Amino acid sequence: LTGQNFTADSKVLFIEKTPDGQQVWEVEATVDKDKSQSNLLFVEVPEYRNKSLRAPVKVNFYVINGKRKKSQPQHFTYHPQPVPSIKTEPIDDYESSTHYSPVIGCLGTVSQPYYSMQALGQVNP
């Protein structure tokens, strides 16, 4: 966040109110004090209360400095997380026909042995 008069004690609060003004959610953001300066505040945006968000939700946030002075509310919109998709590779027709298809009926049966018993010789124990 950029602004003025930030201090080491500055805090950032996110709030959500109903249309009639009733506050339904408030959470303090994490401020990185090592990176922050008097005109620059490094803030980690907190997770929204509803993790299964299906539509964008508008909330407000404001800064409170160490003197308990509150800034004007600023708008912030939480957006639903994109649904991860699983990437699949297309199957190559050539590879699928040579590697993945079962081979049925290609091998014939032979009723006679390939080697004759005479060629193998007799082994006497």
C-alpha atoms as a PDB file:
ATOM      1  CA  LEU A   1       0.000   0.000   0.000  1.00  0.00           C
ATOM      2  CA  THR A   2       1.188   3.512  -0.668  1.00  0.00           C
ATOM      3  CA  GLY A   3       0.219   6.441   1.495  1.00  0.00           C
ATOM      4  CA  GLN A   4       1.486   8.721   4.203  1.00  0.00           C
ATOM      5  CA  ASN A   5       2.257   8.574   7.902  1.00  0.00           C
ATOM      6  CA  PHE A   6       2.686   4.812   8.156  1.00  0.00           C
ATOM      7  CA  THR A   7       4.458   3.760  11.346  1.00  0.00           C
ATOM      8  CA  ALA A   8       6.009   0.560  12.658  1.00  0.00           C
ATOM      9  CA  ASP A   9       2.731  -0.014  14.516  1.00  0.00           C
ATOM     10  CA  SER A  10       0.456   0.450  11.482  1.00  0.00           C
ATOM     11  CA  LYS A  11      -2.155  -2.268  11.029  1.00  0.00           C
ATOM     12  CA  VAL A  12      -4.384  -3.143   8.086  1.00  0.00           C
ATOM     13  CA  LEU A  13      -7.872  -4.517   8.739  1.00  0.00           C
ATOM     14  CA  PHE A  14     -10.112  -6.146   6.143  1.00  0.00           C
ATOM     15  CA  ILE A  15     -13.832  -5.990   6.846  1.00  0.00           C
ATOM     16  CA  GLU A  16     -17.035  -7.114   5.183  1.00  0.00           C
ATOM     17  CA  LYS A  17     -20.437  -5.623   5.833  1.00  0.00           C
ATOM     18  CA  THR A  18     -23.913  -6.646   4.747  1.00  0.00           C
ATOM     19  CA  PRO A  19     -25.884  -4.242   2.508  1.00  0.00           C
ATOM     20  CA  ASP A  20     -27.608  -2.864   5.621  1.00  0.00           C
ATOM     21  CA  GLY A  21     -24.227  -2.043   7.224  1.00  0.00           C
ATOM     22  CA  GLN A  22     -23.862  -4.928   9.683  1.00  0.00           C
ATOM     23  CA  GLN A  23     -20.249  -6.106   9.965  1.00  0.00           C
ATOM     24  CA  VAL A  24     -19.950  -9.848   9.286  1.00  0.00           C
ATOM     25  CA  TRP A  25     -16.183 -10.305   8.999  1.00  0.00           C
ATOM     26  CA  GLU A  26     -12.989  -8.636  10.154  1.00  0.00           C
ATOM     27  CA  VAL A  27      -9.410  -9.882   9.955  1.00  0.00           C
ATOM     28  CA  GLU A  28      -6.031  -8.229  10.391  1.00  0.00           C
ATOM     29  CA  ALA A  29      -3.574  -8.507   7.521  1.00  0.00           C
ATOM     30  CA  THR A  30       0.068  -9.374   8.109  1.00  0.00           C
ATOM     31  CA  VAL A  31       2.336  -6.339   7.668  1.00  0.00           C
ATOM     32  CA  ASP A  32       5.991  -6.907   6.743  1.00  0.00           C
ATOM     33  CA  LYS A  33       7.621  -4.324   9.021  1.00  0.00           C
ATOM     34  CA  ASP A  34      11.102  -4.923   7.583  1.00  0.00           C
ATOM     35  CA  LYS A  35      10.066  -3.819   4.089  1.00  0.00           C
ATOM     36  CA  SER A  36       7.610  -1.099   5.096  1.00  0.00           C
ATOM     37  CA  GLN A  37       8.453   2.619   5.169  1.00  0.00           C
ATOM     38  CA  SER A  38       6.636   5.813   6.144  1.00  0.00           C
ATOM     39  CA  ASN A  39       5.008   5.990   2.690  1.00  0.00           C
ATOM     40  CA  LEU A  40       4.949   2.285   1.771  1.00  0.00           C
ATOM     41  CA  LEU A  41       3.322  -0.605   3.622  1.00  0.00           C
ATOM     42  CA  PHE A  42       3.973  -4.202   2.549  1.00  0.00           C
ATOM     43  CA  VAL A  43       0.880  -6.265   3.368  1.00  0.00           C
ATOM     44  CA  GLU A  44      -0.013  -9.944   2.937  1.00  0.00           C
ATOM     45  CA  VAL A  45      -3.664 -10.084   1.953  1.00  0.00           C
ATOM     46  CA  PRO A  46      -5.511 -12.500   4.259  1.00  0.00           C
ATOM     47  CA  GLU A  47      -7.621 -15.354   2.919  1.00  0.00           C
ATOM     48  CA  TYR A  48     -11.291 -14.659   2.534  1.00  0.00           C
ATOM     49  CA  ARG A  49     -13.577 -16.300   5.095  1.00  0.00           C
ATOM     50  CA  ASN A  50     -15.352 -18.439   2.483  1.00  0.00           C
ATOM     51  CA  LYS A  51     -12.752 -20.654   0.781  1.00  0.00           C
ATOM     52  CA  SER A  52     -15.231 -21.950  -1.818  1.00  0.00           C
ATOM     53  CA  LEU A  53     -15.923 -18.561  -3.352  1.00  0.00           C
ATOM     54  CA  ARG A  54     -17.923 -18.790  -6.597  1.00  0.00           C
ATOM     55  CA  ALA A  55     -18.284 -15.095  -7.472  1.00  0.00           C
ATOM     56  CA  PRO A  56     -16.193 -11.985  -6.741  1.00  0.00           C
ATOM     57  CA  VAL A  57     -16.805 -10.426  -3.320  1.00  0.00           C
ATOM     58  CA  LYS A  58     -16.137  -6.771  -2.514  1.00  0.00           C
ATOM     59  CA  VAL A  59     -14.824  -5.928   0.953  1.00  0.00           C
ATOM     60  CA  ASN A  60     -13.151  -2.902   2.497  1.00  0.00           C
ATOM     61  CA  PHE A  61      -9.861  -2.429   4.243  1.00  0.00           C
ATOM     62  CA  TYR A  62      -8.424   0.422   6.229  1.00  0.00           C
ATOM     63  CA  VAL A  63      -5.158   1.304   7.930  1.00  0.00           C
ATOM     64  CA  ILE A  64      -4.850   2.071  11.617  1.00  0.00           C
ATOM     65  CA  ASN A  65      -1.601   3.693  12.640  1.00  0.00           C
ATOM     66  CA  GLY A  66      -0.094   3.427  16.113  1.00  0.00           C
ATOM     67  CA  LYS A  67      -1.970   6.564  17.180  1.00  0.00           C
ATOM     68  CA  ARG A  68      -5.306   4.807  16.576  1.00  0.00           C
ATOM     69  CA  LYS A  69      -6.058   7.061  13.649  1.00  0.00           C
ATOM     70  CA  LYS A  70      -8.118   5.202  11.047  1.00  0.00           C
ATOM     71  CA  SER A  71      -7.868   5.808   7.282  1.00  0.00           C
ATOM     72  CA  GLN A  72     -10.838   6.068   4.963  1.00  0.00           C
ATOM     73  CA  PRO A  73     -12.100   2.610   3.895  1.00  0.00           C
ATOM     74  CA  GLN A  74     -10.616   1.359   0.639  1.00  0.00           C
ATOM     75  CA  HIS A  75     -12.224  -1.230  -1.640  1.00  0.00           C
ATOM     76  CA  PHE A  76     -10.773  -4.659  -2.285  1.00  0.00           C
ATOM     77  CA  THR A  77     -12.245  -7.519  -4.339  1.00  0.00           C
ATOM     78  CA  TYR A  78     -11.646 -11.195  -3.660  1.00  0.00           C
ATOM     79  CA  HIS A  79     -11.931 -13.371  -6.768  1.00  0.00           C
ATOM     80  CA  PRO A  80     -12.632 -17.120  -6.932  1.00  0.00           C
ATOM     81  CA  GLN A  81      -9.590 -19.305  -7.432  1.00  0.00           C
ATOM     82  CA  PRO A  82      -9.441 -20.841 -10.889  1.00  0.00           C
ATOM     83  CA  VAL A  83     -10.216 -24.548 -10.934  1.00  0.00           C
ATOM     84  CA  PRO A  84      -7.067 -26.464 -11.808  1.00  0.00           C
ATOM     85  CA  SER A  85      -7.343 -28.550 -14.921  1.00  0.00           C
ATOM     86  CA  ILE A  86      -5.504 -31.752 -15.649  1.00  0.00           C
ATOM     87  CA  LYS A  87      -3.700 -31.598 -18.924  1.00  0.00           C
ATOM     88  CA  THR A  88      -3.796 -34.742 -21.005  1.00  0.00           C
ATOM     89  CA  GLU A  89      -1.789 -35.429 -24.092  1.00  0.00           C
ATOM     90  CA  PRO A  90      -3.567 -36.562 -27.252  1.00  0.00           C
ATOM     91  CA  ILE A  91      -3.051 -40.200 -28.187  1.00  0.00           C
ATOM     92  CA  ASP A  92      -1.124 -40.706 -31.391  1.00  0.00           C
ATOM     93  CA  ASP A  93      -3.054 -43.089 -33.659  1.00  0.00           C
ATOM     94  CA  TYR A  94       0.137 -44.783 -34.858  1.00  0.00           C
ATOM     95  CA  GLU A  95       1.489 -45.442 -31.369  1.00  0.00           C
ATOM     96  CA  SER A  96      -1.838 -46.574 -30.011  1.00  0.00           C
ATOM     97  CA  SER A  97      -2.265 -49.155 -32.764  1.00  0.00           C
ATOM     98  CA  THR A  98       1.237 -50.607 -32.374  1.00  0.00           C
ATOM     99  CA  HIS A  99       1.720 -50.471 -28.623  1.00  0.00           C
ATOM    100  CA  TYR A 100      -1.622 -50.556 -26.942  1.00  0.00           C
ATOM    101  CA  SER A 101      -3.897 -52.777 -29.051  1.00  0.00           C
ATOM    102  CA  PRO A 102      -4.154 -56.405 -28.022  1.00  0.00           C
ATOM    103  CA  VAL A 103      -2.884 -58.834 -30.637  1.00  0.00           C
ATOM    104  CA  ILE A 104      -5.480 -61.538 -31.140  1.00  0.00           C
ATOM    105  CA  GLY A 105      -5.323 -64.341 -33.650  1.00  0.00           C
ATOM    106  CA  CYS A 106      -1.961 -63.382 -35.148  1.00  0.00           C
ATOM    107  CA  LEU A 107      -0.081 -66.375 -33.869  1.00  0.00           C
ATOM    108  CA  GLY A 108      -0.935 -69.774 -35.256  1.00  0.00           C
ATOM    109  CA  THR A 109      -0.442 -73.028 -33.448  1.00  0.00           C
ATOM    110  CA  VAL A 110       1.935 -75.684 -34.690  1.00  0.00           C
ATOM    111  CA  SER A 111       1.038 -79.281 -34.039  1.00  0.00           C
ATOM    112  CA  GLN A 112       4.597 -80.582 -34.640  1.00  0.00           C
ATOM    113  CA  PRO A 113       7.720 -79.609 -32.691  1.00  0.00           C
ATOM    114  CA  TYR A 114      10.032 -77.142 -34.403  1.00  0.00           C
ATOM    115  CA  TYR A 115      13.123 -79.262 -33.739  1.00  0.00           C
ATOM    116  CA  SER A 116      13.090 -82.954 -34.393  1.00  0.00           C
ATOM    117  CA  MET A 117      14.126 -85.262 -31.626  1.00  0.00           C
ATOM    118  CA  GLN A 118      16.954 -86.605 -33.805  1.00  0.00           C
ATOM    119  CA  ALA A 119      18.523 -83.187 -34.210  1.00  0.00           C
ATOM    120  CA  LEU A 120      18.441 -82.597 -30.460  1.00  0.00           C
ATOM    121  CA  GLY A 121      20.117 -85.899 -29.727  1.00  0.00           C
ATOM    122  CA  GLN A 122      19.500 -88.203 -26.880  1.00  0.00           C
ATOM    123  CA  VAL A 123      20.721 -87.317 -23.462  1.00  0.00           C
ATOM    124  CA  ASN A 124      21.417 -90.285 -21.236  1.00  0.00           C
ATOM    125  CA  PRO A 125      21.440 -89.628 -17.523  1.00  0.00           C
END
